[in-house]
Amino acid sequence: MSQVEVHHTWEAKQWDWPLQQNDGVVKVINTKEKFEVGLDVVFFTPKEIDVKVNGHNIIVHAAHQARSDNHGKVSREVTRSYALPEDVDTATIKSHLSKRGVLTITASKKQ
């Protein structure tokens, strides 16, 4: 299997995350000092979220088995792979899940 590069004509300052409120577009902060993105994962517990670094890509996987809610049973699973900016120091990537269900991924820039 070979990799085919995807080209686009828009500036890649946005990430698409299907669970994000409203339009699914995620705000990315990309300055000279840091990189930061926040993803809405309110439906998942910390044990159901997996964040991995593969080369210069970050892979976010969140899944849970069927569980009951007010409307019946629901199961969810989302996997996204994102290319990081070239100046991100992948050794500094950290993730934090807030009480409000926002997964914040941060990294420092290469010096």
N, C-alpha and C. Protein backbone atom coordinates (compact mmCIF):
# COMPACT_ATOMS: atom_id res chain seq x y z
N MET A 1 0.85 -1.16 0.00
CA MET A 1 0.00 0.00 0.00
C MET A 1 0.90 1.23 0.00
N SER A 2 0.59 2.18 -0.85
CA SER A 2 1.39 3.40 -0.90
C SER A 2 0.55 4.59 -0.46
N GLN A 3 1.22 5.57 0.08
CA GLN A 3 0.58 6.79 0.57
C GLN A 3 0.41 7.78 -0.58
N VAL A 4 -0.77 8.35 -0.69
CA VAL A 4 -1.04 9.39 -1.68
C VAL A 4 -1.24 10.70 -0.94
N GLU A 5 -0.44 11.68 -1.27
CA GLU A 5 -0.53 12.97 -0.60
C GLU A 5 -1.80 13.69 -1.04
N VAL A 6 -2.48 14.28 -0.09
CA VAL A 6 -3.70 15.04 -0.39
C VAL A 6 -3.33 16.51 -0.47
N HIS A 7 -3.60 17.12 -1.60
CA HIS A 7 -3.31 18.54 -1.79
C HIS A 7 -4.58 19.35 -1.60
N HIS A 8 -4.42 20.59 -1.19
CA HIS A 8 -5.57 21.46 -1.01
C HIS A 8 -5.13 22.89 -1.27
N THR A 9 -6.12 23.75 -1.47
CA THR A 9 -5.82 25.15 -1.76
C THR A 9 -6.12 26.07 -0.60
N TRP A 10 -6.57 25.53 0.52
CA TRP A 10 -6.86 26.35 1.69
C TRP A 10 -5.78 26.13 2.74
N GLU A 11 -5.62 27.14 3.58
CA GLU A 11 -4.62 27.07 4.64
C GLU A 11 -5.13 26.17 5.76
N ALA A 12 -4.34 25.21 6.16
CA ALA A 12 -4.78 24.19 7.12
C ALA A 12 -4.66 24.67 8.56
N LYS A 13 -5.48 25.64 8.93
CA LYS A 13 -5.49 26.13 10.32
C LYS A 13 -6.64 25.50 11.10
N GLN A 14 -7.45 24.68 10.42
CA GLN A 14 -8.60 24.10 11.08
C GLN A 14 -8.52 22.58 11.04
N TRP A 15 -9.03 21.96 12.10
CA TRP A 15 -9.17 20.51 12.14
C TRP A 15 -10.65 20.22 12.13
N ASP A 16 -11.04 19.15 11.50
CA ASP A 16 -12.41 18.69 11.50
C ASP A 16 -12.54 17.61 12.57
N TRP A 17 -13.50 17.77 13.45
CA TRP A 17 -13.76 16.78 14.51
C TRP A 17 -15.26 16.58 14.56
N PRO A 18 -15.75 15.38 14.23
CA PRO A 18 -17.19 15.17 14.06
C PRO A 18 -18.04 15.41 15.29
N LEU A 19 -17.46 15.39 16.48
CA LEU A 19 -18.23 15.60 17.70
C LEU A 19 -18.20 17.05 18.17
N GLN A 20 -17.49 17.91 17.42
CA GLN A 20 -17.39 19.31 17.81
C GLN A 20 -18.75 19.98 17.70
N GLN A 21 -19.05 20.86 18.60
CA GLN A 21 -20.32 21.57 18.56
C GLN A 21 -20.44 22.40 17.28
N ASN A 22 -21.63 22.61 16.82
CA ASN A 22 -21.95 23.43 15.66
C ASN A 22 -21.42 22.83 14.37
N ASP A 23 -20.37 23.41 13.77
CA ASP A 23 -19.96 23.01 12.43
C ASP A 23 -18.84 21.98 12.37
N GLY A 24 -18.35 21.50 13.50
CA GLY A 24 -17.30 20.49 13.50
C GLY A 24 -15.90 21.02 13.34
N VAL A 25 -15.76 22.34 13.19
CA VAL A 25 -14.44 22.94 13.00
C VAL A 25 -13.83 23.25 14.36
N VAL A 26 -12.59 22.88 14.52
CA VAL A 26 -11.86 23.03 15.78
C VAL A 26 -10.91 24.22 15.67
N LYS A 27 -10.85 25.02 16.72
CA LYS A 27 -9.91 26.14 16.73
C LYS A 27 -8.51 25.62 17.08
N VAL A 28 -7.56 25.97 16.25
CA VAL A 28 -6.16 25.58 16.45
C VAL A 28 -5.36 26.82 16.78
N ILE A 29 -4.56 26.74 17.84
CA ILE A 29 -3.64 27.82 18.19
C ILE A 29 -2.25 27.36 17.76
N ASN A 30 -1.64 28.11 16.88
CA ASN A 30 -0.33 27.74 16.35
C ASN A 30 0.53 28.99 16.30
N THR A 31 1.30 29.20 17.38
CA THR A 31 2.17 30.37 17.49
C THR A 31 3.63 29.94 17.37
N LYS A 32 4.54 30.87 17.51
CA LYS A 32 5.97 30.55 17.46
C LYS A 32 6.39 29.71 18.66
N GLU A 33 5.67 29.82 19.77
CA GLU A 33 6.04 29.15 21.00
C GLU A 33 5.32 27.82 21.22
N LYS A 34 4.05 27.71 20.76
CA LYS A 34 3.28 26.50 21.09
C LYS A 34 2.26 26.16 20.02
N PHE A 35 1.81 24.92 20.11
CA PHE A 35 0.72 24.42 19.29
C PHE A 35 -0.33 23.88 20.26
N GLU A 36 -1.62 24.19 20.01
CA GLU A 36 -2.68 23.74 20.91
C GLU A 36 -3.98 23.56 20.14
N VAL A 37 -4.70 22.51 20.49
CA VAL A 37 -6.01 22.26 19.90
C VAL A 37 -6.90 21.64 20.97
N GLY A 38 -8.19 21.96 20.95
CA GLY A 38 -9.14 21.41 21.91
C GLY A 38 -10.25 20.68 21.18
N LEU A 39 -10.48 19.41 21.53
CA LEU A 39 -11.50 18.58 20.89
C LEU A 39 -12.61 18.25 21.89
N ASP A 40 -13.85 18.31 21.45
CA ASP A 40 -14.99 17.99 22.29
C ASP A 40 -15.15 16.46 22.36
N VAL A 41 -14.86 15.89 23.53
CA VAL A 41 -15.00 14.45 23.74
C VAL A 41 -15.88 14.18 24.96
N VAL A 42 -16.90 15.01 25.14
CA VAL A 42 -17.74 14.96 26.32
C VAL A 42 -18.41 13.59 26.52
N PHE A 43 -18.58 12.82 25.46
CA PHE A 43 -19.25 11.53 25.57
C PHE A 43 -18.33 10.41 26.04
N PHE A 44 -17.04 10.70 26.25
CA PHE A 44 -16.07 9.66 26.56
C PHE A 44 -15.39 9.91 27.90
N THR A 45 -14.99 8.82 28.55
CA THR A 45 -14.21 8.90 29.79
C THR A 45 -12.73 8.89 29.42
N PRO A 46 -11.86 9.27 30.36
CA PRO A 46 -10.42 9.25 30.05
C PRO A 46 -9.92 7.89 29.56
N LYS A 47 -10.45 6.81 30.10
CA LYS A 47 -10.00 5.47 29.70
C LYS A 47 -10.46 5.10 28.28
N GLU A 48 -11.42 5.83 27.75
CA GLU A 48 -11.95 5.54 26.41
C GLU A 48 -11.28 6.38 25.32
N ILE A 49 -10.32 7.21 25.70
CA ILE A 49 -9.65 8.11 24.76
C ILE A 49 -8.18 7.70 24.65
N ASP A 50 -7.71 7.61 23.41
CA ASP A 50 -6.33 7.24 23.15
C ASP A 50 -5.72 8.29 22.23
N VAL A 51 -4.59 8.87 22.64
CA VAL A 51 -3.86 9.86 21.83
C VAL A 51 -2.47 9.29 21.57
N LYS A 52 -2.11 9.17 20.29
CA LYS A 52 -0.80 8.62 19.93
C LYS A 52 -0.10 9.54 18.95
N VAL A 53 1.22 9.47 18.97
CA VAL A 53 2.04 10.19 18.00
C VAL A 53 2.67 9.15 17.09
N ASN A 54 2.51 9.34 15.78
CA ASN A 54 3.11 8.45 14.80
C ASN A 54 3.88 9.31 13.81
N GLY A 55 5.20 9.38 14.00
CA GLY A 55 6.00 10.27 13.17
C GLY A 55 5.64 11.70 13.49
N HIS A 56 5.17 12.44 12.49
CA HIS A 56 4.74 13.82 12.71
C HIS A 56 3.21 13.95 12.60
N ASN A 57 2.54 12.85 12.90
CA ASN A 57 1.08 12.83 12.93
C ASN A 57 0.61 12.51 14.33
N ILE A 58 -0.56 13.02 14.65
CA ILE A 58 -1.17 12.69 15.93
C ILE A 58 -2.47 11.96 15.61
N ILE A 59 -2.71 10.86 16.33
CA ILE A 59 -3.90 10.05 16.11
C ILE A 59 -4.74 10.09 17.38
N VAL A 60 -5.99 10.48 17.22
CA VAL A 60 -6.93 10.54 18.35
C VAL A 60 -8.01 9.50 18.10
N HIS A 61 -8.17 8.59 19.06
CA HIS A 61 -9.19 7.55 18.96
C HIS A 61 -10.02 7.58 20.24
N ALA A 62 -11.31 7.63 20.10
CA ALA A 62 -12.22 7.61 21.25
C ALA A 62 -13.34 6.63 20.94
N ALA A 63 -13.63 5.74 21.89
CA ALA A 63 -14.67 4.73 21.65
C ALA A 63 -15.27 4.27 22.96
N HIS A 64 -16.55 3.95 22.90
CA HIS A 64 -17.19 3.26 24.02
C HIS A 64 -18.25 2.31 23.49
N GLN A 65 -18.44 1.23 24.25
CA GLN A 65 -19.42 0.23 23.88
C GLN A 65 -20.83 0.79 24.09
N ALA A 66 -21.81 0.06 23.63
CA ALA A 66 -23.20 0.50 23.76
C ALA A 66 -23.54 0.73 25.23
N ARG A 67 -24.16 1.87 25.49
CA ARG A 67 -24.64 2.17 26.83
C ARG A 67 -26.00 2.83 26.71
N SER A 68 -26.78 2.72 27.74
CA SER A 68 -28.14 3.25 27.73
C SER A 68 -28.15 4.72 28.09
N ASP A 69 -29.04 5.46 27.43
CA ASP A 69 -29.32 6.84 27.81
C ASP A 69 -30.83 7.03 27.78
N ASN A 70 -31.30 8.25 27.83
CA ASN A 70 -32.74 8.51 27.89
C ASN A 70 -33.49 8.07 26.64
N HIS A 71 -32.78 7.88 25.54
CA HIS A 71 -33.42 7.57 24.26
C HIS A 71 -33.23 6.12 23.83
N GLY A 72 -32.48 5.34 24.58
CA GLY A 72 -32.19 3.95 24.22
C GLY A 72 -30.73 3.65 24.43
N LYS A 73 -30.14 2.91 23.49
CA LYS A 73 -28.72 2.56 23.60
C LYS A 73 -27.94 3.28 22.52
N VAL A 74 -26.70 3.65 22.86
CA VAL A 74 -25.84 4.35 21.92
C VAL A 74 -24.40 3.87 22.09
N SER A 75 -23.70 3.73 20.97
CA SER A 75 -22.25 3.48 21.01
C SER A 75 -21.61 4.49 20.08
N ARG A 76 -20.39 4.87 20.41
CA ARG A 76 -19.67 5.88 19.61
C ARG A 76 -18.23 5.44 19.42
N GLU A 77 -17.68 5.78 18.25
CA GLU A 77 -16.27 5.56 17.99
C GLU A 77 -15.82 6.55 16.93
N VAL A 78 -14.73 7.25 17.25
CA VAL A 78 -14.17 8.25 16.34
C VAL A 78 -12.66 8.06 16.30
N THR A 79 -12.10 8.07 15.11
CA THR A 79 -10.65 8.05 14.94
C THR A 79 -10.28 9.10 13.92
N ARG A 80 -9.33 9.95 14.27
CA ARG A 80 -8.84 10.97 13.34
C ARG A 80 -7.32 11.01 13.44
N SER A 81 -6.69 11.20 12.30
CA SER A 81 -5.24 11.38 12.23
C SER A 81 -4.99 12.76 11.65
N TYR A 82 -4.15 13.53 12.31
CA TYR A 82 -3.86 14.89 11.89
C TYR A 82 -2.36 15.08 11.70
N ALA A 83 -1.98 15.75 10.63
CA ALA A 83 -0.57 16.11 10.41
C ALA A 83 -0.27 17.34 11.25
N LEU A 84 0.79 17.26 12.01
CA LEU A 84 1.21 18.38 12.85
C LEU A 84 2.09 19.33 12.05
N PRO A 85 2.10 20.60 12.41
CA PRO A 85 3.04 21.52 11.76
C PRO A 85 4.47 21.02 11.93
N GLU A 86 5.30 21.25 10.95
CA GLU A 86 6.68 20.74 10.96
C GLU A 86 7.51 21.24 12.13
N ASP A 87 7.19 22.42 12.67
CA ASP A 87 8.00 22.96 13.77
C ASP A 87 7.55 22.51 15.15
N VAL A 88 6.60 21.57 15.23
CA VAL A 88 6.16 21.05 16.53
C VAL A 88 7.17 20.03 17.02
N ASP A 89 7.56 20.15 18.28
CA ASP A 89 8.44 19.18 18.93
C ASP A 89 7.56 18.05 19.44
N THR A 90 7.51 16.94 18.72
CA THR A 90 6.60 15.84 19.06
C THR A 90 6.92 15.22 20.42
N ALA A 91 8.13 15.39 20.92
CA ALA A 91 8.49 14.85 22.24
C ALA A 91 7.79 15.60 23.37
N THR A 92 7.23 16.78 23.08
CA THR A 92 6.60 17.59 24.12
C THR A 92 5.07 17.51 24.11
N ILE A 93 4.51 16.67 23.28
CA ILE A 93 3.05 16.59 23.17
C ILE A 93 2.46 16.06 24.47
N LYS A 94 1.44 16.79 24.94
CA LYS A 94 0.71 16.41 26.15
C LYS A 94 -0.78 16.53 25.86
N SER A 95 -1.59 15.75 26.58
CA SER A 95 -3.04 15.89 26.45
C SER A 95 -3.65 15.99 27.84
N HIS A 96 -4.76 16.70 27.91
CA HIS A 96 -5.46 16.91 29.18
C HIS A 96 -6.95 16.92 28.91
N LEU A 97 -7.71 16.18 29.71
CA LEU A 97 -9.17 16.15 29.58
C LEU A 97 -9.78 16.98 30.70
N SER A 98 -10.53 18.01 30.33
CA SER A 98 -11.16 18.87 31.34
C SER A 98 -12.45 18.23 31.84
N LYS A 99 -12.96 18.75 32.95
CA LYS A 99 -14.23 18.28 33.50
C LYS A 99 -15.39 18.52 32.54
N ARG A 100 -15.25 19.50 31.65
CA ARG A 100 -16.29 19.81 30.68
C ARG A 100 -16.21 18.94 29.43
N GLY A 101 -15.25 18.01 29.38
CA GLY A 101 -15.15 17.09 28.26
C GLY A 101 -14.37 17.61 27.07
N VAL A 102 -13.44 18.54 27.31
CA VAL A 102 -12.59 19.06 26.23
C VAL A 102 -11.21 18.43 26.36
N LEU A 103 -10.79 17.73 25.32
CA LEU A 103 -9.46 17.15 25.27
C LEU A 103 -8.53 18.19 24.64
N THR A 104 -7.60 18.71 25.43
CA THR A 104 -6.66 19.71 24.94
C THR A 104 -5.33 19.03 24.68
N ILE A 105 -4.84 19.19 23.46
CA ILE A 105 -3.55 18.63 23.06
C ILE A 105 -2.61 19.81 22.85
N THR A 106 -1.46 19.79 23.53
CA THR A 106 -0.50 20.89 23.42
C THR A 106 0.90 20.35 23.13
N ALA A 107 1.70 21.21 22.53
CA ALA A 107 3.10 20.87 22.27
C ALA A 107 3.90 22.15 22.15
N SER A 108 5.16 22.05 22.50
CA SER A 108 6.08 23.17 22.30
C SER A 108 6.61 23.14 20.87
N LYS A 109 7.18 24.25 20.47
CA LYS A 109 7.80 24.33 19.14
C LYS A 109 9.27 24.01 19.26
N LYS A 110 9.87 23.53 18.19
CA LYS A 110 11.31 23.23 18.16
C LYS A 110 12.08 24.52 18.31
N GLN A 111 13.19 24.46 19.02
CA GLN A 111 14.02 25.64 19.24
C GLN A 111 15.10 25.74 18.21
